[in-house]
Amino acid sequence: MSFPARLEIPEDVLEIARRLDAAGHEVWCVGGAIRDALAGARGTAVEPSDVDFATSATPEEVQRLFRRTVPVGVKHGTVGVLDRRRALHEVTTFRRDVTTDGRHAVVAYGVSLDEDLARRDFTINAIAYHPLRHEWRDPFGGADDLAHGVVRAVGDPAARFREDYLRILRALRFAARFEFRIDPATWEGARAAAPGLAQLSAERVRDEWFKGLESARSVARLVELWQDVGAAAVWLPELGATGRYSEPEADRPPRDPLLLTVLFCAQPGTVLRRLRASNAEVARAEAMARGPEAPADATPEAARRWLARVQGAADDLLALWRLRHGAEPPWASVVAGVRARGEPTVRGDLALDGNDLVALGLPRGPRIGEILDRLLDRVLADPSLNTPERLAELVRTWLRELG
């Protein structure tokens, strides 16, 4: 691949590079923004918020040069610098790994750009661009691998994966996102190193799983890669086949990773707890899993009763149906009609509340809830009953029947 003469770097970002350069420090643009620009994701334009830097300046020197910084990873050489629009850019000192345990590395500074690029995971991520001189540095052939659609480890794959086992999952994500093949030696190295994934924190694995689902051109391929490399066996044993997923044309990145986790995994609540998802995410997934996935039939009453049962999970269940069948649910328009007409589906929609029932003579206590549930059942069958007068008459009738 031949490099473009220059990349379109936003002025706010160039200011950071100019200040480092003026202070006598070497500075290069690195990371996903450079890779994606070369891959044609955005032509030769670079998104301001995506640009990161590698520099000869130490973290302390970076912090002295810039007034607005965030210590995002100072002990590993990274300082976050805010540009004028308050976008955060990671500025990382050239470094090499001294020791690593597969999760964390101890790094040393004072190395060259090429040594810094040599510690990166894949050749497609080991490309640097000088934003002021418009020079390129690609010591490991990353541009050619981009051109040929290959994910290849920098140097010895086994060594790269031992340094950080998360790189196995990153290889899968890049392959699925760009529809690249994984270099055979890199693939074999990943498979051999897969048991080391157990050493990773659940949070890092979750974030990588979610990123993969959000960005993959083919979610089915991402799932197959997780299974084939051995990652699913370690972290997602509940991950099943993708046969019920039609990957409809409209399903393009970014997607909702929680929906897809529910779609592909048995017991999604268990999976998400293992991955240390938030309580809200677990509750949302379990509500989808409980279902039911559809109303009993396509009548308005069935739609109302389904909405009453699934409550906040309704939109998620509609989305799951679309993913499973690649089409609009046949009852979606009926549900939309119920909503558009404002028909009651939960207690809060009733024209009477607990205080109104007390005023009608009911003592406070559990009977209040029981009566409200009976009223809701009646208005789910016939929404026209939902007026204060008609509901009050129903309550009086029931009270008379009880003597």
Protein backbone atom coordinates (compact mmCIF):
# COMPACT_ATOMS: atom_id res chain seq x y z
CA MET A 1 0.00 0.00 0.00
CA SER A 2 1.28 3.47 -0.83
CA PHE A 3 0.76 6.07 1.85
CA PRO A 4 -1.24 9.24 1.16
CA ALA A 5 0.85 12.39 0.94
CA ARG A 6 -0.83 13.70 4.08
CA LEU A 7 -3.70 13.16 6.46
CA GLU A 8 -6.23 15.83 7.31
CA ILE A 9 -5.49 16.42 10.98
CA PRO A 10 -7.84 18.88 12.75
CA GLU A 11 -6.25 22.14 13.81
CA ASP A 12 -7.04 21.56 17.49
CA VAL A 13 -5.06 18.34 17.34
CA LEU A 14 -2.17 19.91 15.45
CA GLU A 15 -1.78 22.44 18.27
CA ILE A 16 -0.87 19.61 20.63
CA ALA A 17 1.74 18.30 18.19
CA ARG A 18 3.19 21.77 17.60
CA ARG A 19 3.63 22.43 21.31
CA LEU A 20 5.45 19.14 21.87
CA ASP A 21 7.62 19.71 18.77
CA ALA A 22 8.47 23.29 19.79
CA ALA A 23 9.64 22.01 23.18
CA GLY A 24 12.11 19.73 21.41
CA HIS A 25 10.19 16.48 21.71
CA GLU A 26 9.57 13.95 18.97
CA VAL A 27 5.83 13.48 18.37
CA TRP A 28 3.90 11.10 16.11
CA CYS A 29 0.21 10.31 15.58
CA VAL A 30 -0.53 6.66 16.29
CA GLY A 31 -3.41 4.31 17.00
CA GLY A 32 -6.83 3.62 15.60
CA ALA A 33 -7.30 6.96 13.85
CA ILE A 34 -4.27 6.35 11.64
CA ARG A 35 -5.23 2.73 10.97
CA ASP A 36 -8.82 3.63 10.11
CA ALA A 37 -7.80 6.47 7.80
CA LEU A 38 -5.52 4.12 5.88
CA ALA A 39 -8.19 1.42 5.82
CA GLY A 40 -10.53 3.84 4.11
CA ALA A 41 -12.96 4.12 7.00
CA ARG A 42 -12.97 7.91 6.65
CA GLY A 43 -10.89 8.59 3.59
CA THR A 44 -7.86 10.62 4.69
CA ALA A 45 -9.80 12.68 7.24
CA VAL A 46 -9.15 11.95 10.91
CA GLU A 47 -11.75 12.36 13.61
CA PRO A 48 -10.46 14.83 16.24
CA SER A 49 -11.39 12.70 19.23
CA ASP A 50 -9.63 9.59 17.83
CA VAL A 51 -6.09 10.94 17.51
CA ASP A 52 -3.50 9.74 20.00
CA PHE A 53 0.22 10.59 20.15
CA ALA A 54 3.48 8.80 20.85
CA THR A 55 6.24 11.13 22.03
CA SER A 56 9.73 11.25 23.45
CA ALA A 57 8.43 13.55 26.22
CA THR A 58 7.98 11.94 29.63
CA PRO A 59 4.58 12.09 31.36
CA GLU A 60 5.91 14.79 33.69
CA GLU A 61 7.08 16.89 30.74
CA VAL A 62 3.70 16.50 29.04
CA GLN A 63 1.93 17.62 32.19
CA ARG A 64 4.17 20.69 32.43
CA LEU A 65 3.55 21.64 28.79
CA PHE A 66 -0.26 21.44 28.87
CA ARG A 67 -2.58 23.13 31.32
CA ARG A 68 -5.53 20.78 30.87
CA THR A 69 -4.47 17.18 31.39
CA VAL A 70 -5.98 14.02 32.84
CA PRO A 71 -3.78 11.32 34.45
CA VAL A 72 -5.40 8.48 32.51
CA GLY A 73 -2.42 6.13 32.85
CA VAL A 74 0.61 8.04 34.07
CA LYS A 75 2.33 5.01 35.59
CA HIS A 76 2.24 3.39 32.15
CA GLY A 77 3.36 6.55 30.38
CA THR A 78 0.03 8.00 29.24
CA VAL A 79 -1.34 11.48 29.92
CA GLY A 80 -4.70 12.65 28.58
CA VAL A 81 -4.48 16.10 26.99
CA LEU A 82 -7.65 18.10 26.38
CA ASP A 83 -7.77 20.17 23.21
CA ARG A 84 -9.68 23.43 22.88
CA ARG A 85 -12.93 21.56 22.26
CA ARG A 86 -12.27 19.42 25.34
CA ALA A 87 -11.71 16.26 23.31
CA LEU A 88 -9.26 13.98 25.12
CA HIS A 89 -6.11 12.75 23.38
CA GLU A 90 -3.81 10.16 24.89
CA VAL A 91 -0.18 11.29 24.77
CA THR A 92 2.09 8.36 25.56
CA THR A 93 5.84 8.32 26.07
CA PHE A 94 7.89 6.02 23.83
CA ARG A 95 8.25 2.87 25.92
CA ARG A 96 9.12 -0.78 26.00
CA ASP A 97 7.95 -3.55 28.29
CA VAL A 98 10.33 -4.60 31.03
CA THR A 99 8.14 -7.28 32.62
CA THR A 100 4.55 -8.38 32.07
CA ASP A 101 2.20 -10.90 33.66
CA GLY A 102 -0.29 -11.16 30.82
CA ARG A 103 -2.47 -8.41 32.30
CA HIS A 104 -0.19 -5.52 33.26
CA ALA A 105 3.24 -4.42 32.10
CA VAL A 106 6.10 -2.58 33.76
CA VAL A 107 7.47 -0.18 31.15
CA ALA A 108 10.70 1.71 30.58
CA TYR A 109 11.05 5.06 28.78
CA GLY A 110 13.88 6.51 26.75
CA VAL A 111 13.43 4.31 23.69
CA SER A 112 12.95 5.14 20.01
CA LEU A 113 9.72 5.30 18.04
CA ASP A 114 10.54 2.01 16.31
CA GLU A 115 11.09 0.32 19.68
CA ASP A 116 7.78 1.72 20.84
CA LEU A 117 5.99 0.42 17.74
CA ALA A 118 7.61 -2.98 18.29
CA ARG A 119 5.69 -3.44 21.57
CA ARG A 120 2.31 -2.94 19.89
CA ASP A 121 -0.09 -5.77 19.25
CA PHE A 122 -0.65 -5.97 15.48
CA THR A 123 1.10 -4.59 12.45
CA ILE A 124 -1.98 -2.61 11.41
CA ASN A 125 -1.73 -0.77 14.76
CA ALA A 126 2.02 -0.19 14.52
CA ILE A 127 1.94 2.61 11.96
CA ALA A 128 2.90 6.18 12.85
CA TYR A 129 2.35 9.48 11.04
CA HIS A 130 4.20 12.73 11.71
CA PRO A 131 1.49 15.41 11.57
CA LEU A 132 3.91 18.29 10.94
CA ARG A 133 6.40 16.74 8.53
CA HIS A 134 3.85 14.40 6.91
CA GLU A 135 6.19 11.43 7.25
CA TRP A 136 5.19 7.81 7.76
CA ARG A 137 6.80 5.11 9.86
CA ASP A 138 5.78 1.50 9.24
CA PRO A 139 8.58 -0.86 10.31
CA PHE A 140 6.45 -4.01 10.37
CA GLY A 141 4.52 -3.77 7.10
CA GLY A 142 1.20 -2.77 8.60
CA ALA A 143 0.12 -0.87 5.50
CA ASP A 144 0.55 -3.97 3.35
CA ASP A 145 -1.43 -6.03 5.84
CA LEU A 146 -4.20 -3.42 5.70
CA ALA A 147 -4.17 -3.61 1.92
CA HIS A 148 -4.35 -7.42 1.94
CA GLY A 149 -6.83 -7.69 4.81
CA VAL A 150 -4.61 -9.43 7.36
CA VAL A 151 -4.44 -9.23 11.15
CA ARG A 152 -0.85 -10.14 12.01
CA ALA A 153 0.97 -9.92 15.33
CA VAL A 154 4.05 -7.73 15.56
CA GLY A 155 7.00 -10.11 15.81
CA ASP A 156 6.46 -13.37 17.68
CA PRO A 157 2.71 -13.97 18.22
CA ALA A 158 3.26 -16.09 21.33
CA ALA A 159 5.30 -13.31 22.94
CA ARG A 160 2.74 -10.65 22.05
CA PHE A 161 -0.12 -12.64 23.57
CA ARG A 162 1.86 -13.51 26.72
CA GLU A 163 2.41 -9.78 27.23
CA ASP A 164 -1.34 -9.15 27.32
CA TYR A 165 -3.89 -11.88 26.72
CA LEU A 166 -6.52 -9.30 25.83
CA ARG A 167 -4.76 -9.04 22.48
CA ILE A 168 -6.36 -12.36 21.54
CA LEU A 169 -9.80 -10.76 21.79
CA ARG A 170 -8.60 -7.65 19.99
CA ALA A 171 -7.43 -9.80 17.08
CA LEU A 172 -10.92 -11.27 16.82
CA ARG A 173 -12.52 -7.82 16.97
CA PHE A 174 -10.35 -6.39 14.20
CA ALA A 175 -10.89 -9.45 12.00
CA ALA A 176 -14.68 -9.20 12.38
CA ARG A 177 -14.78 -5.41 12.08
CA PHE A 178 -12.74 -5.16 8.89
CA GLU A 179 -13.58 -8.62 7.51
CA PHE A 180 -9.87 -9.46 7.62
CA ARG A 181 -8.36 -12.90 7.90
CA ILE A 182 -6.03 -13.67 10.79
CA ASP A 183 -2.49 -14.61 9.80
CA PRO A 184 -2.02 -18.39 10.39
CA ALA A 185 0.88 -17.99 12.82
CA THR A 186 -1.05 -15.33 14.73
CA TRP A 187 -4.12 -17.56 14.84
CA GLU A 188 -2.19 -20.55 16.14
CA GLY A 189 -0.52 -18.34 18.72
CA ALA A 190 -3.89 -17.05 19.84
CA ARG A 191 -5.36 -20.54 20.16
CA ALA A 192 -2.37 -21.76 22.14
CA ALA A 193 -2.54 -18.74 24.46
CA ALA A 194 -6.34 -18.81 24.95
CA PRO A 195 -6.21 -20.44 28.43
CA GLY A 196 -4.40 -17.28 29.57
CA LEU A 197 -7.61 -15.32 29.01
CA ALA A 198 -8.71 -16.56 32.43
CA GLN A 199 -6.15 -14.18 33.96
CA LEU A 200 -7.92 -11.09 32.59
CA SER A 201 -10.32 -8.98 34.60
CA ALA A 202 -13.99 -9.46 33.82
CA GLU A 203 -14.33 -5.77 33.03
CA ARG A 204 -11.70 -5.86 30.28
CA VAL A 205 -13.26 -8.95 28.73
CA ARG A 206 -16.74 -7.40 28.86
CA ASP A 207 -15.57 -4.21 27.21
CA GLU A 208 -13.86 -6.15 24.43
CA TRP A 209 -16.92 -8.40 23.89
CA PHE A 210 -19.20 -5.35 23.72
CA LYS A 211 -16.86 -3.47 21.36
CA GLY A 212 -16.72 -6.49 19.09
CA LEU A 213 -20.50 -6.78 18.91
CA GLU A 214 -20.88 -3.06 18.29
CA SER A 215 -18.36 -2.87 15.46
CA ALA A 216 -18.32 -6.22 13.62
CA ARG A 217 -19.44 -6.22 10.02
CA SER A 218 -20.55 -9.79 10.63
CA VAL A 219 -21.61 -10.58 14.18
CA ALA A 220 -21.93 -14.24 13.23
CA ARG A 221 -18.24 -14.33 12.32
CA LEU A 222 -17.25 -12.65 15.59
CA VAL A 223 -19.15 -15.31 17.55
CA GLU A 224 -17.52 -18.09 15.53
CA LEU A 225 -14.07 -16.62 16.14
CA TRP A 226 -14.67 -16.47 19.90
CA GLN A 227 -15.73 -20.09 19.83
CA ASP A 228 -12.99 -21.35 17.53
CA VAL A 229 -10.10 -19.64 19.31
CA GLY A 230 -11.24 -20.93 22.70
CA ALA A 231 -12.26 -17.60 24.23
CA ALA A 232 -15.91 -18.60 24.61
CA ALA A 233 -14.96 -21.72 26.53
CA VAL A 234 -13.11 -19.56 29.06
CA TRP A 235 -15.52 -16.65 29.46
CA LEU A 236 -18.78 -17.34 27.60
CA PRO A 237 -19.58 -21.07 27.80
CA GLU A 238 -23.26 -20.15 27.36
CA LEU A 239 -22.51 -18.67 23.92
CA GLY A 240 -24.52 -20.61 21.36
CA ALA A 241 -24.81 -20.81 17.61
CA THR A 242 -25.98 -17.84 15.57
CA GLY A 243 -28.54 -19.78 13.54
CA ARG A 244 -31.45 -17.69 14.85
CA TYR A 245 -29.71 -14.46 13.90
CA SER A 246 -30.55 -13.30 10.41
CA GLU A 247 -28.11 -10.35 10.36
CA PRO A 248 -30.61 -8.11 8.54
CA GLU A 249 -29.39 -5.43 6.19
CA ALA A 250 -30.47 -2.71 8.62
CA ASP A 251 -28.34 -4.20 11.42
CA ARG A 252 -25.14 -2.27 10.95
CA PRO A 253 -22.66 -0.88 13.48
CA PRO A 254 -22.96 0.47 16.04
CA ARG A 255 -25.30 -2.10 17.57
CA ASP A 256 -26.66 -2.73 21.04
CA PRO A 257 -24.29 -5.34 22.56
CA LEU A 258 -26.71 -6.18 25.35
CA LEU A 259 -29.41 -7.24 22.88
CA LEU A 260 -26.95 -9.48 21.07
CA THR A 261 -25.68 -11.01 24.31
CA VAL A 262 -29.26 -11.98 25.16
CA LEU A 263 -29.78 -13.30 21.64
CA PHE A 264 -26.70 -15.52 21.58
CA CYS A 265 -26.27 -16.58 25.20
CA ALA A 266 -28.30 -18.93 27.32
CA GLN A 267 -28.83 -17.48 30.81
CA PRO A 268 -27.72 -13.96 29.80
CA GLY A 269 -28.09 -12.68 33.34
CA THR A 270 -25.49 -15.20 34.51
CA VAL A 271 -23.19 -14.21 31.66
CA LEU A 272 -23.45 -10.51 32.42
CA ARG A 273 -22.87 -11.00 36.14
CA ARG A 274 -19.70 -12.94 35.31
CA LEU A 275 -18.61 -10.05 33.09
CA ARG A 276 -19.33 -7.56 35.91
CA ALA A 277 -21.99 -5.71 33.96
CA SER A 278 -24.01 -3.11 35.83
CA ASN A 279 -27.10 -4.06 37.83
CA ALA A 280 -29.21 -2.14 35.31
CA GLU A 281 -27.73 -4.11 32.40
CA VAL A 282 -28.31 -7.43 34.17
CA ALA A 283 -31.91 -6.49 35.00
CA ARG A 284 -32.55 -5.41 31.42
CA ALA A 285 -31.16 -8.68 30.04
CA GLU A 286 -33.17 -10.81 32.46
CA ALA A 287 -36.35 -8.95 31.57
CA MET A 288 -35.74 -9.80 27.92
CA ALA A 289 -35.01 -13.43 28.78
CA ARG A 290 -38.25 -13.74 30.78
CA GLY A 291 -40.35 -12.46 27.91
CA PRO A 292 -42.64 -13.65 26.54
CA GLU A 293 -41.14 -12.61 23.24
CA ALA A 294 -44.51 -11.88 21.60
CA PRO A 295 -48.21 -11.37 22.38
CA ALA A 296 -50.46 -14.41 22.30
CA ASP A 297 -51.98 -13.14 19.04
CA ALA A 298 -52.22 -9.96 16.98
CA THR A 299 -55.33 -8.53 18.68
CA PRO A 300 -55.26 -5.25 20.61
CA GLU A 301 -56.19 -7.02 23.86
CA ALA A 302 -53.33 -9.49 23.49
CA ALA A 303 -50.99 -6.58 22.75
CA ARG A 304 -52.15 -4.73 25.87
CA ARG A 305 -51.73 -7.82 28.04
CA TRP A 306 -48.27 -8.43 26.60
CA LEU A 307 -47.26 -4.81 27.29
CA ALA A 308 -48.58 -5.14 30.82
CA ARG A 309 -46.52 -8.25 31.40
CA VAL A 310 -43.20 -7.24 29.85
CA GLN A 311 -43.46 -3.50 30.67
CA GLY A 312 -40.08 -1.82 30.06
CA ALA A 313 -38.74 -4.77 28.04
CA ALA A 314 -41.23 -4.30 25.20
CA ASP A 315 -38.97 -2.33 22.87
CA ASP A 316 -36.07 -4.72 23.51
CA LEU A 317 -38.30 -7.70 22.69
CA LEU A 318 -39.45 -6.02 19.50
CA ALA A 319 -35.80 -5.47 18.55
CA LEU A 320 -34.92 -9.10 19.36
CA TRP A 321 -37.70 -10.30 17.07
CA ARG A 322 -36.29 -8.21 14.24
CA LEU A 323 -32.82 -9.67 14.80
CA ARG A 324 -34.13 -13.23 14.91
CA HIS A 325 -36.38 -12.96 11.88
CA GLY A 326 -34.95 -10.14 9.81
CA ALA A 327 -38.39 -8.57 9.51
CA GLU A 328 -40.84 -6.40 11.39
CA PRO A 329 -42.91 -8.36 13.94
CA PRO A 330 -46.40 -9.00 12.52
CA TRP A 331 -47.90 -7.61 15.73
CA ALA A 332 -45.69 -4.50 15.91
CA SER A 333 -48.33 -2.25 14.33
CA VAL A 334 -50.94 -3.46 16.83
CA VAL A 335 -48.62 -2.61 19.73
CA ALA A 336 -47.93 0.78 18.16
CA GLY A 337 -51.66 1.40 17.92
CA VAL A 338 -52.20 0.59 21.59
CA ARG A 339 -49.46 3.02 22.51
CA ALA A 340 -50.67 5.73 20.16
CA ARG A 341 -54.17 5.57 21.65
CA GLY A 342 -52.74 5.79 25.17
CA GLU A 343 -54.52 2.62 26.29
CA PRO A 344 -53.70 1.56 29.86
CA THR A 345 -51.18 -1.23 30.37
CA VAL A 346 -49.85 -0.64 33.91
CA ARG A 347 -51.39 0.33 37.25
CA GLY A 348 -50.13 3.87 36.87
CA ASP A 349 -52.34 4.29 33.79
CA LEU A 350 -55.53 3.64 35.75
CA ALA A 351 -57.95 6.51 36.27
CA LEU A 352 -58.06 5.65 40.01
CA ASP A 353 -55.18 5.17 42.44
CA GLY A 354 -54.81 3.82 45.96
CA ASN A 355 -55.95 7.04 47.60
CA ASP A 356 -59.11 7.00 45.50
CA LEU A 357 -59.83 3.44 46.69
CA VAL A 358 -59.42 4.51 50.32
CA ALA A 359 -61.89 7.32 49.67
CA LEU A 360 -64.33 4.68 48.36
CA GLY A 361 -64.13 2.84 51.67
CA LEU A 362 -61.27 0.33 51.28
CA PRO A 363 -58.93 0.08 54.26
CA ARG A 364 -55.25 0.64 53.60
CA GLY A 365 -53.33 -2.60 53.12
CA PRO A 366 -52.65 -5.35 50.60
CA ARG A 367 -56.27 -5.34 49.42
CA ILE A 368 -55.60 -2.01 47.71
CA GLY A 369 -53.05 -3.65 45.42
CA GLU A 370 -55.34 -6.59 44.75
CA ILE A 371 -58.19 -4.30 43.71
CA LEU A 372 -55.90 -2.24 41.47
CA ASP A 373 -54.77 -5.44 39.76
CA ARG A 374 -58.40 -6.47 39.21
CA LEU A 375 -59.16 -3.06 37.74
CA LEU A 376 -56.15 -3.27 35.43
CA ASP A 377 -57.27 -6.71 34.26
CA ARG A 378 -60.68 -5.29 33.35
CA VAL A 379 -59.33 -2.30 31.45
CA LEU A 380 -56.81 -4.47 29.59
CA ALA A 381 -59.84 -6.27 28.21
CA ASP A 382 -61.86 -3.08 27.68
CA PRO A 383 -59.93 0.25 27.77
CA SER A 384 -63.21 2.22 27.66
CA LEU A 385 -63.72 1.29 31.31
CA ASN A 386 -60.78 3.45 32.33
CA THR A 387 -62.65 6.47 33.67
CA PRO A 388 -62.95 7.47 37.33
CA GLU A 389 -66.69 6.93 37.28
CA ARG A 390 -66.72 3.47 35.68
CA LEU A 391 -63.83 2.19 37.77
CA ALA A 392 -65.44 3.51 40.94
CA GLU A 393 -68.65 1.71 40.04
CA LEU A 394 -66.73 -1.53 39.58
CA VAL A 395 -65.15 -1.11 43.00
CA ARG A 396 -68.52 -0.43 44.65
CA THR A 397 -69.97 -3.53 42.98
CA TRP A 398 -67.14 -5.68 44.30
CA LEU A 399 -67.51 -4.25 47.77
CA ARG A 400 -71.25 -5.00 47.77
CA GLU A 401 -70.52 -8.56 46.64
CA LEU A 402 -68.14 -8.97 49.56
CA GLY A 403 -70.88 -7.79 51.91
